[in-house]
């Protein structure tokens, strides 16, 4: 995305999966809607399976979590949403909010 919004790479794979890679260290109220818009645009274009790579993200607030839940619901019953690249702080956030029980997360390293 350009301007003051969320900088993000989008990879469209040949198997139909889309990978979103935010390049910001924070997903908060200022940029979470940019992530939602990008994900929904891909879903509207036919994406049925998505991975969001959070390797660069060190902080996420409730608005960021809400966007991830929204995307997860939109892809439920299809290919689903996978989250990868969670560092220790984000993994702890998902554990504290019990969202580690909702999302498919890779095993902790």
N, C-alpha and C. Protein backbone atom coordinates (compact mmCIF):
# COMPACT_ATOMS: atom_id res chain seq x y z
N UNK A 1 0.85 -1.16 0.00
CA UNK A 1 0.00 0.00 0.00
C UNK A 1 0.91 1.24 0.00
N UNK A 2 0.40 2.29 -0.57
CA UNK A 2 1.20 3.50 -0.65
C UNK A 2 0.70 4.54 0.33
N UNK A 3 1.38 5.66 0.39
CA UNK A 3 0.96 6.76 1.25
C UNK A 3 1.29 6.47 2.70
N UNK A 4 0.42 6.91 3.59
CA UNK A 4 0.65 6.75 5.02
C UNK A 4 0.09 5.45 5.56
N UNK A 5 -0.48 4.61 4.71
CA UNK A 5 -1.09 3.37 5.15
C UNK A 5 -0.07 2.28 5.40
N UNK A 6 -0.57 1.10 5.54
CA UNK A 6 0.23 -0.08 5.82
C UNK A 6 1.04 -0.47 4.59
N UNK A 7 2.35 -0.54 4.76
CA UNK A 7 3.21 -1.06 3.68
C UNK A 7 3.14 -2.57 3.74
N UNK A 8 2.90 -3.20 2.58
CA UNK A 8 2.67 -4.63 2.59
C UNK A 8 3.04 -5.22 1.23
N UNK A 9 3.60 -6.42 1.26
CA UNK A 9 3.84 -7.18 0.04
C UNK A 9 2.71 -8.18 -0.12
N UNK A 10 2.29 -8.40 -1.36
CA UNK A 10 1.24 -9.36 -1.66
C UNK A 10 1.79 -10.35 -2.67
N UNK A 11 1.73 -11.63 -2.32
CA UNK A 11 2.19 -12.69 -3.21
C UNK A 11 0.99 -13.56 -3.57
N UNK A 12 0.74 -13.70 -4.86
CA UNK A 12 -0.34 -14.55 -5.35
C UNK A 12 0.30 -15.82 -5.90
N UNK A 13 0.09 -16.94 -5.23
CA UNK A 13 0.73 -18.20 -5.61
C UNK A 13 -0.10 -18.93 -6.66
N UNK A 14 0.57 -19.81 -7.38
CA UNK A 14 -0.11 -20.55 -8.44
C UNK A 14 -1.15 -21.52 -7.90
N UNK A 15 -1.04 -21.91 -6.63
CA UNK A 15 -2.03 -22.81 -6.04
C UNK A 15 -3.27 -22.08 -5.54
N UNK A 16 -3.33 -20.75 -5.78
CA UNK A 16 -4.49 -19.97 -5.39
C UNK A 16 -4.36 -19.28 -4.03
N UNK A 17 -3.35 -19.67 -3.26
CA UNK A 17 -3.15 -19.04 -1.95
C UNK A 17 -2.53 -17.66 -2.14
N UNK A 18 -2.98 -16.72 -1.32
CA UNK A 18 -2.42 -15.38 -1.31
C UNK A 18 -1.67 -15.20 0.00
N UNK A 19 -0.47 -14.63 -0.08
CA UNK A 19 0.33 -14.35 1.11
C UNK A 19 0.45 -12.84 1.26
N UNK A 20 0.01 -12.34 2.40
CA UNK A 20 0.16 -10.92 2.73
C UNK A 20 1.29 -10.78 3.73
N UNK A 21 2.21 -9.87 3.46
CA UNK A 21 3.36 -9.64 4.35
C UNK A 21 3.42 -8.17 4.73
N UNK A 22 2.81 -7.79 5.85
CA UNK A 22 2.96 -6.41 6.31
C UNK A 22 4.44 -6.11 6.57
N UNK A 23 4.87 -4.92 6.19
CA UNK A 23 6.26 -4.51 6.41
C UNK A 23 6.39 -3.48 7.52
N UNK A 24 5.39 -3.42 8.35
CA UNK A 24 5.40 -2.50 9.49
C UNK A 24 5.60 -3.29 10.77
N UNK A 25 6.13 -2.65 11.81
CA UNK A 25 6.32 -3.36 13.08
C UNK A 25 5.08 -3.29 13.96
N UNK A 26 4.08 -2.48 13.55
CA UNK A 26 2.85 -2.34 14.35
C UNK A 26 1.62 -2.49 13.46
N UNK A 27 0.66 -3.25 13.95
CA UNK A 27 -0.66 -3.26 13.33
C UNK A 27 -1.61 -2.77 14.41
N UNK A 28 -2.01 -1.52 14.24
CA UNK A 28 -2.87 -0.88 15.24
C UNK A 28 -4.00 -0.16 14.52
N UNK A 29 -4.73 0.64 15.26
CA UNK A 29 -5.87 1.34 14.69
C UNK A 29 -5.54 2.20 13.49
N UNK A 30 -4.32 2.67 13.41
CA UNK A 30 -3.93 3.54 12.30
C UNK A 30 -3.80 2.80 10.97
N UNK A 31 -3.52 1.49 11.01
CA UNK A 31 -3.28 0.75 9.76
C UNK A 31 -4.09 -0.54 9.64
N UNK A 32 -4.79 -0.94 10.67
CA UNK A 32 -5.49 -2.24 10.61
C UNK A 32 -6.53 -2.29 9.50
N UNK A 33 -7.19 -1.17 9.22
CA UNK A 33 -8.19 -1.17 8.14
C UNK A 33 -7.53 -1.36 6.77
N UNK A 34 -6.28 -0.95 6.63
CA UNK A 34 -5.56 -1.19 5.38
C UNK A 34 -5.35 -2.69 5.16
N UNK A 35 -5.02 -3.39 6.24
CA UNK A 35 -4.86 -4.84 6.15
C UNK A 35 -6.19 -5.49 5.78
N UNK A 36 -7.26 -5.04 6.41
CA UNK A 36 -8.59 -5.59 6.13
C UNK A 36 -8.97 -5.34 4.67
N UNK A 37 -8.77 -4.12 4.19
CA UNK A 37 -9.11 -3.79 2.81
C UNK A 37 -8.33 -4.66 1.83
N UNK A 38 -7.04 -4.84 2.06
CA UNK A 38 -6.22 -5.64 1.17
C UNK A 38 -6.68 -7.10 1.16
N UNK A 39 -6.96 -7.64 2.34
CA UNK A 39 -7.40 -9.03 2.43
C UNK A 39 -8.76 -9.21 1.75
N UNK A 40 -9.69 -8.31 2.02
CA UNK A 40 -11.03 -8.43 1.43
C UNK A 40 -10.98 -8.26 -0.09
N UNK A 41 -10.10 -7.40 -0.59
CA UNK A 41 -9.95 -7.25 -2.04
C UNK A 41 -9.48 -8.56 -2.67
N UNK A 42 -8.56 -9.25 -2.01
CA UNK A 42 -8.08 -10.55 -2.52
C UNK A 42 -9.19 -11.60 -2.46
N UNK A 43 -9.97 -11.60 -1.38
CA UNK A 43 -11.08 -12.55 -1.26
C UNK A 43 -12.13 -12.28 -2.34
N UNK A 44 -12.45 -11.01 -2.56
CA UNK A 44 -13.42 -10.65 -3.61
C UNK A 44 -12.91 -11.06 -4.99
N UNK A 45 -11.59 -11.08 -5.17
CA UNK A 45 -11.00 -11.46 -6.45
C UNK A 45 -10.90 -12.98 -6.61
N UNK A 46 -11.34 -13.74 -5.58
CA UNK A 46 -11.36 -15.18 -5.71
C UNK A 46 -10.45 -15.96 -4.78
N UNK A 47 -9.68 -15.29 -3.96
CA UNK A 47 -8.80 -15.98 -3.02
C UNK A 47 -9.64 -16.80 -2.03
N UNK A 48 -9.28 -18.06 -1.84
CA UNK A 48 -9.98 -18.92 -0.89
C UNK A 48 -9.07 -19.41 0.24
N UNK A 49 -7.77 -19.14 0.11
CA UNK A 49 -6.81 -19.53 1.14
C UNK A 49 -5.78 -18.41 1.26
N UNK A 50 -5.51 -18.01 2.50
CA UNK A 50 -4.62 -16.87 2.70
C UNK A 50 -3.66 -17.17 3.84
N UNK A 51 -2.45 -16.67 3.69
CA UNK A 51 -1.45 -16.69 4.74
C UNK A 51 -1.08 -15.24 5.02
N UNK A 52 -1.03 -14.89 6.30
CA UNK A 52 -0.52 -13.57 6.67
C UNK A 52 0.77 -13.80 7.44
N UNK A 53 1.85 -13.29 6.88
CA UNK A 53 3.18 -13.43 7.46
C UNK A 53 3.44 -12.23 8.36
N UNK A 54 3.49 -12.47 9.65
CA UNK A 54 3.64 -11.40 10.64
C UNK A 54 5.08 -11.26 11.14
N UNK A 55 6.04 -11.71 10.35
CA UNK A 55 7.45 -11.69 10.76
C UNK A 55 7.93 -10.30 11.14
N UNK A 56 7.47 -9.27 10.46
CA UNK A 56 7.94 -7.91 10.73
C UNK A 56 7.17 -7.24 11.87
N UNK A 57 6.07 -7.84 12.29
CA UNK A 57 5.17 -7.21 13.26
C UNK A 57 5.57 -7.57 14.68
N UNK A 58 5.75 -6.53 15.51
CA UNK A 58 6.13 -6.73 16.90
C UNK A 58 5.00 -6.34 17.86
N UNK A 59 4.03 -5.57 17.35
CA UNK A 59 2.94 -5.09 18.20
C UNK A 59 1.64 -5.15 17.42
N UNK A 60 0.57 -5.60 18.09
CA UNK A 60 -0.75 -5.59 17.49
C UNK A 60 -1.75 -5.24 18.59
N UNK A 61 -2.66 -4.32 18.27
CA UNK A 61 -3.69 -3.98 19.26
C UNK A 61 -4.99 -4.70 18.92
N UNK A 62 -6.05 -4.37 19.65
CA UNK A 62 -7.32 -5.07 19.48
C UNK A 62 -7.91 -4.86 18.09
N UNK A 63 -7.63 -3.73 17.47
CA UNK A 63 -8.16 -3.51 16.12
C UNK A 63 -7.50 -4.46 15.12
N UNK A 64 -6.22 -4.71 15.30
CA UNK A 64 -5.53 -5.67 14.45
C UNK A 64 -6.05 -7.08 14.65
N UNK A 65 -6.27 -7.46 15.91
CA UNK A 65 -6.84 -8.78 16.20
C UNK A 65 -8.23 -8.92 15.59
N UNK A 66 -9.04 -7.87 15.69
CA UNK A 66 -10.39 -7.91 15.14
C UNK A 66 -10.36 -8.11 13.62
N UNK A 67 -9.43 -7.48 12.95
CA UNK A 67 -9.30 -7.65 11.51
C UNK A 67 -8.94 -9.10 11.18
N UNK A 68 -8.02 -9.69 11.93
CA UNK A 68 -7.65 -11.08 11.67
C UNK A 68 -8.83 -12.01 11.89
N UNK A 69 -9.63 -11.77 12.93
CA UNK A 69 -10.81 -12.60 13.18
C UNK A 69 -11.80 -12.44 12.03
N UNK A 70 -11.98 -11.22 11.54
CA UNK A 70 -12.89 -10.97 10.43
C UNK A 70 -12.45 -11.73 9.17
N UNK A 71 -11.17 -11.68 8.86
CA UNK A 71 -10.64 -12.39 7.69
C UNK A 71 -10.82 -13.89 7.89
N UNK A 72 -10.52 -14.37 9.08
CA UNK A 72 -10.68 -15.79 9.40
C UNK A 72 -12.12 -16.24 9.14
N UNK A 73 -13.09 -15.46 9.59
CA UNK A 73 -14.50 -15.81 9.39
C UNK A 73 -14.86 -15.83 7.91
N UNK A 74 -14.34 -14.88 7.14
CA UNK A 74 -14.65 -14.82 5.71
C UNK A 74 -14.11 -16.04 4.96
N UNK A 75 -12.99 -16.59 5.43
CA UNK A 75 -12.37 -17.73 4.74
C UNK A 75 -12.75 -19.08 5.37
N UNK A 76 -13.56 -19.07 6.42
CA UNK A 76 -13.96 -20.32 7.07
C UNK A 76 -14.72 -21.19 6.08
N UNK A 77 -14.44 -22.48 6.13
CA UNK A 77 -15.10 -23.42 5.23
C UNK A 77 -14.50 -23.44 3.84
N UNK A 78 -13.47 -22.64 3.63
CA UNK A 78 -12.77 -22.64 2.35
C UNK A 78 -11.34 -23.10 2.64
N UNK A 79 -10.36 -22.43 2.09
CA UNK A 79 -8.97 -22.80 2.34
C UNK A 79 -8.45 -22.30 3.67
N UNK A 80 -9.13 -21.30 4.24
CA UNK A 80 -8.78 -20.81 5.55
C UNK A 80 -7.68 -19.76 5.57
N UNK A 81 -7.38 -19.34 6.77
CA UNK A 81 -6.36 -18.33 7.04
C UNK A 81 -5.30 -18.94 7.94
N UNK A 82 -4.06 -18.84 7.50
CA UNK A 82 -2.92 -19.26 8.31
C UNK A 82 -2.12 -18.02 8.69
N UNK A 83 -1.64 -18.00 9.92
CA UNK A 83 -0.76 -16.95 10.38
C UNK A 83 0.61 -17.55 10.61
N UNK A 84 1.64 -16.91 10.10
CA UNK A 84 3.01 -17.40 10.26
C UNK A 84 3.89 -16.24 10.71
N UNK A 85 5.07 -16.58 11.21
CA UNK A 85 6.06 -15.57 11.56
C UNK A 85 5.80 -14.83 12.85
N UNK A 86 5.01 -15.42 13.74
CA UNK A 86 4.72 -14.76 15.01
C UNK A 86 5.94 -14.82 15.91
N UNK A 87 6.41 -13.65 16.33
CA UNK A 87 7.48 -13.59 17.31
C UNK A 87 6.93 -13.86 18.70
N UNK A 88 7.80 -13.88 19.70
CA UNK A 88 7.37 -14.20 21.07
C UNK A 88 6.28 -13.27 21.61
N UNK A 89 6.37 -11.98 21.32
CA UNK A 89 5.36 -11.04 21.85
C UNK A 89 3.98 -11.29 21.24
N UNK A 90 3.94 -11.48 19.91
CA UNK A 90 2.65 -11.74 19.28
C UNK A 90 2.10 -13.10 19.69
N UNK A 91 2.97 -14.09 19.79
CA UNK A 91 2.50 -15.42 20.21
C UNK A 91 1.88 -15.32 21.60
N UNK A 92 2.50 -14.58 22.49
CA UNK A 92 1.97 -14.41 23.85
C UNK A 92 0.62 -13.69 23.81
N UNK A 93 0.48 -12.69 22.95
CA UNK A 93 -0.79 -12.00 22.79
C UNK A 93 -1.88 -12.98 22.36
N UNK A 94 -1.57 -13.84 21.39
CA UNK A 94 -2.56 -14.81 20.92
C UNK A 94 -2.90 -15.82 22.03
N UNK A 95 -1.93 -16.17 22.84
CA UNK A 95 -2.20 -17.09 23.95
C UNK A 95 -3.08 -16.42 25.01
N UNK A 96 -2.75 -15.18 25.37
CA UNK A 96 -3.52 -14.46 26.40
C UNK A 96 -4.97 -14.23 25.98
N UNK A 97 -5.19 -14.00 24.69
CA UNK A 97 -6.54 -13.75 24.20
C UNK A 97 -7.23 -15.05 23.76
N UNK A 98 -6.55 -16.16 23.92
CA UNK A 98 -7.05 -17.49 23.53
C UNK A 98 -7.26 -17.62 22.03
N UNK A 99 -6.74 -16.69 21.26
CA UNK A 99 -6.87 -16.79 19.81
C UNK A 99 -5.94 -17.85 19.22
N UNK A 100 -5.01 -18.35 20.02
CA UNK A 100 -4.20 -19.47 19.56
C UNK A 100 -5.06 -20.73 19.39
N UNK A 101 -6.26 -20.73 19.98
CA UNK A 101 -7.20 -21.83 19.83
C UNK A 101 -8.08 -21.65 18.58
N UNK A 102 -8.06 -20.46 18.00
CA UNK A 102 -8.91 -20.14 16.85
C UNK A 102 -8.12 -20.26 15.56
N UNK A 103 -6.89 -19.73 15.55
CA UNK A 103 -6.07 -19.69 14.33
C UNK A 103 -5.15 -20.88 14.26
N UNK A 104 -4.83 -21.25 13.00
CA UNK A 104 -3.80 -22.26 12.79
C UNK A 104 -2.45 -21.56 12.88
N UNK A 105 -1.74 -21.82 13.95
CA UNK A 105 -0.44 -21.20 14.17
C UNK A 105 0.64 -22.27 14.07
N UNK A 106 1.79 -21.94 13.53
CA UNK A 106 2.88 -22.92 13.53
C UNK A 106 3.38 -23.14 14.96
N UNK A 107 4.01 -24.27 15.16
CA UNK A 107 4.56 -24.57 16.50
C UNK A 107 5.58 -23.51 16.88
N UNK A 108 5.63 -23.21 18.18
CA UNK A 108 6.60 -22.24 18.68
C UNK A 108 8.00 -22.78 18.47
N UNK A 109 8.90 -21.88 18.12
CA UNK A 109 10.30 -22.28 17.89
C UNK A 109 11.06 -22.30 19.18
